[in-house]
Every structure is written in C-alpha cells, then in structure tokens.
Amino acid sequence: MKALRLAVGLAGALAWGAAQAYVPPATAVLKRLSQKREEQAVATMEVQGTVTFLGEAAVRAAGAGVPLLGNEASSPAFLTVKVPGKCRLELALPDAAPAERPAVSQKGSRLHGVRGLERIPAAVAALQAVCALLGERPGGAEPERPWVQALSALGVSLDEISLGRAGGRVAYVIGGKPNGEKALAWVDKQGYQPLRLAATLGGARHEVRFLDWGSSTGGDLFPRAVEVLAAGQPVLRLVTERVLGNPKVPDSIF
C-alpha cells in the first residue's frame, strides 16, 4: 500500500511538472478568455442573489440600512452588467423605494453611489473585479485588448505568468507567482473562466474569488458565488440565485 501511494504521488508530481512545461503568454490566455465570453453573446446581464457582509464591512453596511445580525449583514441584491465597462450593485432592502436603495455603480473609471454603498471597500472591490473580468466586450482583430487594458490598469503585469491552483483547479496566474504580493489574475486552465483577482480594489488590497462556474444558477454566464477577502479574511459574499442574459438595461442606472 505504501508503494502504491508513493507511485500515485510520483505520477501526480510528474503530471504537474509536465503541465508546467509550457505556459502561454498572458495575451494568449486573455484571448481565450475573451473568446469564452464572446461565445455567450451577452451584452447585458442581471444577477439576482443575496449579498452578505462580514466583520467591519457588516458594520459599515448596517450604516447603509442593511440589517445587522451578529457580525453579518445580509440583503437581497441585484448585480447588473452592461458591456463594455458598466456595472451596478444594488441592495434590494424591503423598506426602501427603488430610487433609495443602497447602490454603487461603475461606468468606465467613474464610481457613483447611493446611501454610502460606494464607501464600503468590499462592495466596490466586488464591483470592480466583476467589471474588469466580466464586463468587457470581446471581438475585433485583438479580442484580448479590453482585458489587457483592464488588468494593466489594476497593476497586473502581462509580462509575467505562471501556474497555480485556485479552488482545486489548475489556473494560469497572470502577474507573477501565485503566493506573491503583486497584482494577480487567475484564469482556469481548462475552461478559461476567471477564477480570482488580487489587486488594489475598493481603495485597498482585496482578493476577489469567482466560485463554482457551471452551476445550475449561472452556468457559464456567472459563477455561483463571488467572494471578497481582505487580509485573507472574507468580508463579502454574493450568492447567485438567478442570472438573466440580455435583459433590457437603461444607461441611466449607471
């Protein structure tokens, strides 16, 4: 049995070594990511779900009217994306009229908020990461260019790329080594879906994780959950309940 375990371990190590034998340029990986998004033919997207703030983020969310229970504050939420570069996170508080719901919107590099949601770093980090990785428009002679520009603006170096693991999946790590302190983006090696983004988001270093692609709620359009971490600790989690592809979305909401 011991010999068998050693053989299995050796085979795994050899397979991992072989997988690292060739790592394509970051632009090639981003091109495949853009093609993956283009296959979805999505110009707009609405995600319905629940946002939970944790720790200090929960205290801040309570100041915006989100009910606080212990160290958590939760609310139904809508996350709306309109390519290119328009995203909005809105908390559907039951006692708030639609125009008075806490919200934060991004249009290009501009942020706009309602009831202070734009002052909660975790909420802004989630929005910026979604907009950078899922809010760009593919196509054209250089389909990867929007992602190149978005990641470069966040400080991710396109000159460095390595292999790592994210959520048990092998991923291309753009920007440096997986455990480094540089700005990094993880892209699934097989499915070419974004898995993580670690950079200055919401005014501070955050890591945003895109969890469980291919679920019954989001399929290949959106992950089952988006999680934001600060200093290694979860501060926000969006759990997807329904995803609508190509709903009518007016520009006025951003």
Protein backbone atom coordinates (compact mmCIF):
# COMPACT_ATOMS: atom_id res chain seq x y z
CA MET A 1 0.00 0.00 0.00
CA LYS A 2 2.83 2.39 0.84
CA ALA A 3 4.47 1.63 -2.52
CA LEU A 4 1.17 2.34 -4.24
CA ARG A 5 0.83 5.72 -2.50
CA LEU A 6 4.37 6.63 -3.50
CA ALA A 7 3.67 5.65 -7.09
CA VAL A 8 0.50 7.73 -7.18
CA GLY A 9 2.31 10.69 -5.64
CA LEU A 10 5.15 10.38 -8.14
CA ALA A 11 2.71 10.19 -11.03
CA GLY A 12 0.96 13.32 -9.77
CA ALA A 13 4.24 15.17 -9.45
CA LEU A 14 5.26 14.16 -12.95
CA ALA A 15 1.90 15.27 -14.33
CA TRP A 16 2.21 18.63 -12.56
CA GLY A 17 5.73 19.06 -13.90
CA ALA A 18 4.57 18.25 -17.42
CA ALA A 19 1.72 20.75 -17.09
CA GLN A 20 4.26 23.45 -16.25
CA ALA A 21 6.45 22.62 -19.23
CA TYR A 22 4.66 25.17 -21.40
CA VAL A 23 2.89 28.30 -20.21
CA PRO A 24 1.49 30.51 -22.98
CA PRO A 25 1.83 34.29 -22.96
CA ALA A 26 -0.70 36.20 -20.88
CA THR A 27 -2.18 37.76 -24.01
CA ALA A 28 -2.91 34.28 -25.42
CA VAL A 29 -4.71 33.30 -22.20
CA LEU A 30 -6.75 36.51 -22.23
CA LYS A 31 -7.62 35.92 -25.87
CA ARG A 32 -9.10 32.55 -24.93
CA LEU A 33 -10.96 34.18 -22.04
CA SER A 34 -12.40 36.80 -24.42
CA GLN A 35 -13.48 34.07 -26.85
CA LYS A 36 -15.21 32.27 -23.98
CA ARG A 37 -17.17 35.42 -23.19
CA GLU A 38 -17.93 36.02 -26.87
CA GLU A 39 -19.50 32.56 -27.11
CA GLN A 40 -22.10 33.67 -24.56
CA ALA A 41 -23.22 36.55 -26.84
CA VAL A 42 -24.16 38.60 -23.78
CA ALA A 43 -24.43 42.37 -23.98
CA THR A 44 -26.25 42.75 -20.66
CA MET A 45 -26.63 40.56 -17.61
CA GLU A 46 -28.62 40.75 -14.39
CA VAL A 47 -27.64 38.64 -11.40
CA GLN A 48 -30.17 38.19 -8.63
CA GLY A 49 -28.94 36.90 -5.30
CA THR A 50 -28.00 37.67 -1.73
CA VAL A 51 -25.08 39.77 -0.53
CA THR A 52 -23.64 39.11 2.92
CA PHE A 53 -21.15 41.50 4.53
CA LEU A 54 -18.89 40.22 7.31
CA GLY A 55 -16.91 41.86 10.10
CA GLU A 56 -16.13 45.54 9.68
CA ALA A 57 -17.86 45.52 6.28
CA ALA A 58 -21.05 44.38 8.03
CA VAL A 59 -20.87 47.31 10.44
CA ARG A 60 -20.47 49.69 7.52
CA ALA A 61 -23.34 48.04 5.66
CA ALA A 62 -25.55 48.46 8.73
CA GLY A 63 -24.90 52.19 8.45
CA ALA A 64 -26.40 51.99 4.95
CA GLY A 65 -29.54 50.32 6.34
CA VAL A 66 -28.67 46.63 5.94
CA PRO A 67 -29.94 44.59 8.94
CA LEU A 68 -27.07 43.52 11.20
CA LEU A 69 -27.17 40.11 12.88
CA GLY A 70 -24.09 39.35 14.93
CA ASN A 71 -21.08 40.04 12.71
CA GLU A 72 -23.03 39.68 9.46
CA ALA A 73 -25.35 41.90 7.44
CA SER A 74 -27.32 40.44 4.52
CA SER A 75 -29.62 41.78 1.84
CA PRO A 76 -31.21 40.65 -1.42
CA ALA A 77 -29.22 42.18 -4.25
CA PHE A 78 -29.11 42.84 -7.97
CA LEU A 79 -25.83 42.96 -9.86
CA THR A 80 -26.23 44.40 -13.35
CA VAL A 81 -23.61 44.38 -16.10
CA LYS A 82 -23.75 46.19 -19.43
CA VAL A 83 -20.74 45.81 -21.69
CA PRO A 84 -18.42 47.49 -22.05
CA GLY A 85 -17.50 48.69 -18.57
CA LYS A 86 -20.85 49.45 -16.92
CA CYS A 87 -21.72 47.64 -13.69
CA ARG A 88 -24.07 48.25 -10.75
CA LEU A 89 -24.58 46.55 -7.39
CA GLU A 90 -27.89 47.37 -5.73
CA LEU A 91 -29.19 46.17 -2.36
CA ALA A 92 -32.93 45.48 -2.51
CA LEU A 93 -33.83 46.44 1.06
CA PRO A 94 -37.52 45.65 1.60
CA ASP A 95 -38.25 49.01 3.30
CA ALA A 96 -36.53 51.16 0.65
CA ALA A 97 -38.08 52.55 -2.51
CA PRO A 98 -36.14 51.56 -5.67
CA ALA A 99 -34.61 55.04 -6.01
CA GLU A 100 -33.43 54.95 -2.38
CA ARG A 101 -31.79 51.53 -2.32
CA PRO A 102 -28.09 51.43 -1.39
CA ALA A 103 -26.17 51.08 -4.65
CA VAL A 104 -22.77 51.57 -6.24
CA SER A 105 -22.26 51.92 -9.98
CA GLN A 106 -19.19 51.94 -12.19
CA LYS A 107 -19.11 53.49 -15.63
CA GLY A 108 -15.62 53.31 -17.07
CA SER A 109 -13.42 54.59 -14.23
CA ARG A 110 -16.18 56.63 -12.56
CA LEU A 111 -17.94 55.45 -9.40
CA HIS A 112 -21.32 56.67 -8.21
CA GLY A 113 -23.18 55.60 -5.10
CA VAL A 114 -26.44 55.83 -3.20
CA ARG A 115 -26.72 55.76 0.62
CA GLY A 116 -22.98 55.25 1.06
CA LEU A 117 -22.54 51.84 -0.54
CA GLU A 118 -19.71 53.33 -2.61
CA ARG A 119 -17.85 53.97 0.68
CA ILE A 120 -17.77 50.27 1.61
CA PRO A 121 -14.48 48.92 0.16
CA ALA A 122 -15.71 45.31 -0.06
CA ALA A 123 -18.70 46.30 -2.21
CA VAL A 124 -16.55 48.42 -4.52
CA ALA A 125 -13.93 45.66 -4.78
CA ALA A 126 -16.56 43.13 -5.87
CA LEU A 127 -17.99 45.53 -8.44
CA GLN A 128 -14.60 46.50 -9.88
CA ALA A 129 -13.49 42.88 -10.20
CA VAL A 130 -16.71 41.84 -11.95
CA CYS A 131 -16.47 44.81 -14.31
CA ALA A 132 -12.80 44.12 -15.13
CA LEU A 133 -13.23 40.41 -15.84
CA LEU A 134 -16.85 40.01 -16.96
CA GLY A 135 -17.82 43.47 -18.15
CA GLU A 136 -15.64 43.87 -21.24
CA ARG A 137 -16.68 43.47 -24.87
CA PRO A 138 -14.80 40.84 -26.91
CA GLY A 139 -14.36 40.84 -30.65
CA GLY A 140 -12.31 42.61 -33.28
CA ALA A 141 -8.80 41.96 -34.51
CA GLU A 142 -7.44 41.90 -30.93
CA PRO A 143 -10.24 40.45 -28.79
CA GLU A 144 -8.00 40.29 -25.74
CA ARG A 145 -7.21 44.03 -25.76
CA PRO A 146 -10.06 45.13 -23.39
CA TRP A 147 -8.87 42.61 -20.76
CA VAL A 148 -5.24 43.60 -21.29
CA GLN A 149 -6.17 47.22 -20.65
CA ALA A 150 -8.42 46.45 -17.68
CA LEU A 151 -5.82 44.29 -15.91
CA SER A 152 -2.97 46.66 -16.73
CA ALA A 153 -4.97 49.50 -15.16
CA LEU A 154 -5.14 47.42 -11.97
CA GLY A 155 -1.38 46.88 -11.97
CA VAL A 156 -1.37 43.28 -13.25
CA SER A 157 1.83 42.70 -15.23
CA LEU A 158 1.23 40.99 -18.55
CA ASP A 159 4.93 40.15 -18.75
CA GLU A 160 4.73 37.51 -16.01
CA ILE A 161 2.65 34.33 -15.97
CA SER A 162 2.87 31.08 -14.01
CA LEU A 163 0.74 28.11 -13.00
CA GLY A 164 -1.09 27.72 -9.73
CA ARG A 165 -4.26 26.33 -8.21
CA ALA A 166 -7.49 28.10 -7.34
CA GLY A 167 -10.36 26.22 -5.75
CA GLY A 168 -8.78 22.90 -6.66
CA ARG A 169 -8.41 23.85 -10.33
CA VAL A 170 -5.18 24.42 -12.24
CA ALA A 171 -5.01 28.03 -13.33
CA TYR A 172 -2.82 30.44 -15.24
CA VAL A 173 -1.65 33.12 -12.83
CA ILE A 174 -1.07 36.39 -14.67
CA GLY A 175 1.17 38.91 -12.97
CA GLY A 176 3.62 36.73 -11.05
CA LYS A 177 3.76 33.76 -8.69
CA PRO A 178 0.56 32.50 -7.02
CA ASN A 179 1.60 33.47 -3.50
CA GLY A 180 3.18 36.78 -4.42
CA GLU A 181 2.07 40.20 -3.27
CA LYS A 182 1.84 41.61 -6.77
CA ALA A 183 -1.46 42.26 -8.53
CA LEU A 184 -2.55 38.87 -9.90
CA ALA A 185 -5.32 37.38 -12.03
CA TRP A 186 -6.13 33.65 -12.13
CA VAL A 187 -7.72 32.11 -15.24
CA ASP A 188 -8.90 28.49 -15.35
CA LYS A 189 -6.50 26.44 -17.48
CA GLN A 190 -9.26 24.28 -18.95
CA GLY A 191 -12.38 26.42 -19.08
CA TYR A 192 -10.73 29.85 -19.46
CA GLN A 193 -13.06 31.38 -16.90
CA PRO A 194 -11.73 33.99 -14.43
CA LEU A 195 -11.18 32.46 -11.01
CA ARG A 196 -9.52 35.17 -8.90
CA LEU A 197 -8.30 38.75 -8.97
CA ALA A 198 -5.99 40.14 -6.30
CA ALA A 199 -5.20 43.83 -6.65
CA THR A 200 -5.94 47.28 -5.27
CA LEU A 201 -9.73 47.22 -5.46
CA GLY A 202 -12.02 49.45 -3.45
CA GLY A 203 -9.00 51.53 -2.45
CA ALA A 204 -7.12 48.68 -0.75
CA ARG A 205 -5.69 45.24 -1.42
CA HIS A 206 -8.54 42.75 -1.89
CA GLU A 207 -8.79 39.31 -3.41
CA VAL A 208 -12.00 38.55 -5.30
CA ARG A 209 -12.84 34.91 -5.99
CA PHE A 210 -15.23 33.65 -8.66
CA LEU A 211 -16.54 30.34 -7.33
CA ASP A 212 -18.23 27.34 -8.97
CA TRP A 213 -18.62 28.09 -12.64
CA GLY A 214 -21.14 25.89 -14.45
CA SER A 215 -23.69 25.84 -11.64
CA SER A 216 -27.41 25.48 -12.28
CA THR A 217 -27.96 29.14 -11.42
CA GLY A 218 -25.29 30.86 -13.50
CA GLY A 219 -23.90 28.30 -15.94
CA ASP A 220 -21.09 29.86 -17.96
CA LEU A 221 -22.52 33.36 -17.65
CA PHE A 222 -21.74 33.97 -13.98
CA PRO A 223 -20.29 31.96 -11.08
CA ARG A 224 -22.43 30.53 -8.31
CA ALA A 225 -20.78 32.91 -5.86
CA VAL A 226 -18.38 35.85 -5.67
CA GLU A 227 -16.29 36.19 -2.52
CA VAL A 228 -14.18 39.16 -1.43
CA LEU A 229 -11.29 38.76 1.02
CA ALA A 230 -9.21 41.38 2.81
CA ALA A 231 -6.01 40.27 4.55
CA GLY A 232 -7.09 36.69 3.89
CA GLN A 233 -10.45 37.06 5.66
CA PRO A 234 -13.87 37.02 3.92
CA VAL A 235 -15.59 40.42 4.01
CA LEU A 236 -18.32 39.96 1.37
CA ARG A 237 -20.06 37.08 -0.35
CA LEU A 238 -22.59 37.27 -3.18
CA VAL A 239 -24.54 34.05 -3.69
CA THR A 240 -26.25 33.78 -7.07
CA GLU A 241 -29.90 32.74 -7.23
CA ARG A 242 -30.78 33.64 -10.82
CA VAL A 243 -28.96 35.02 -13.85
CA LEU A 244 -30.69 36.72 -16.77
CA GLY A 245 -28.86 37.08 -20.07
CA ASN A 246 -29.52 40.14 -22.24
CA PRO A 247 -32.30 41.86 -20.29
CA LYS A 248 -33.12 45.46 -21.20
CA VAL A 249 -30.87 47.71 -19.12
CA PRO A 250 -31.09 51.51 -19.41
CA ASP A 251 -27.85 53.51 -19.30
CA SER A 252 -29.43 55.81 -16.73
CA ILE A 253 -28.89 53.35 -13.86
CA PHE A 254 -25.08 53.57 -14.08
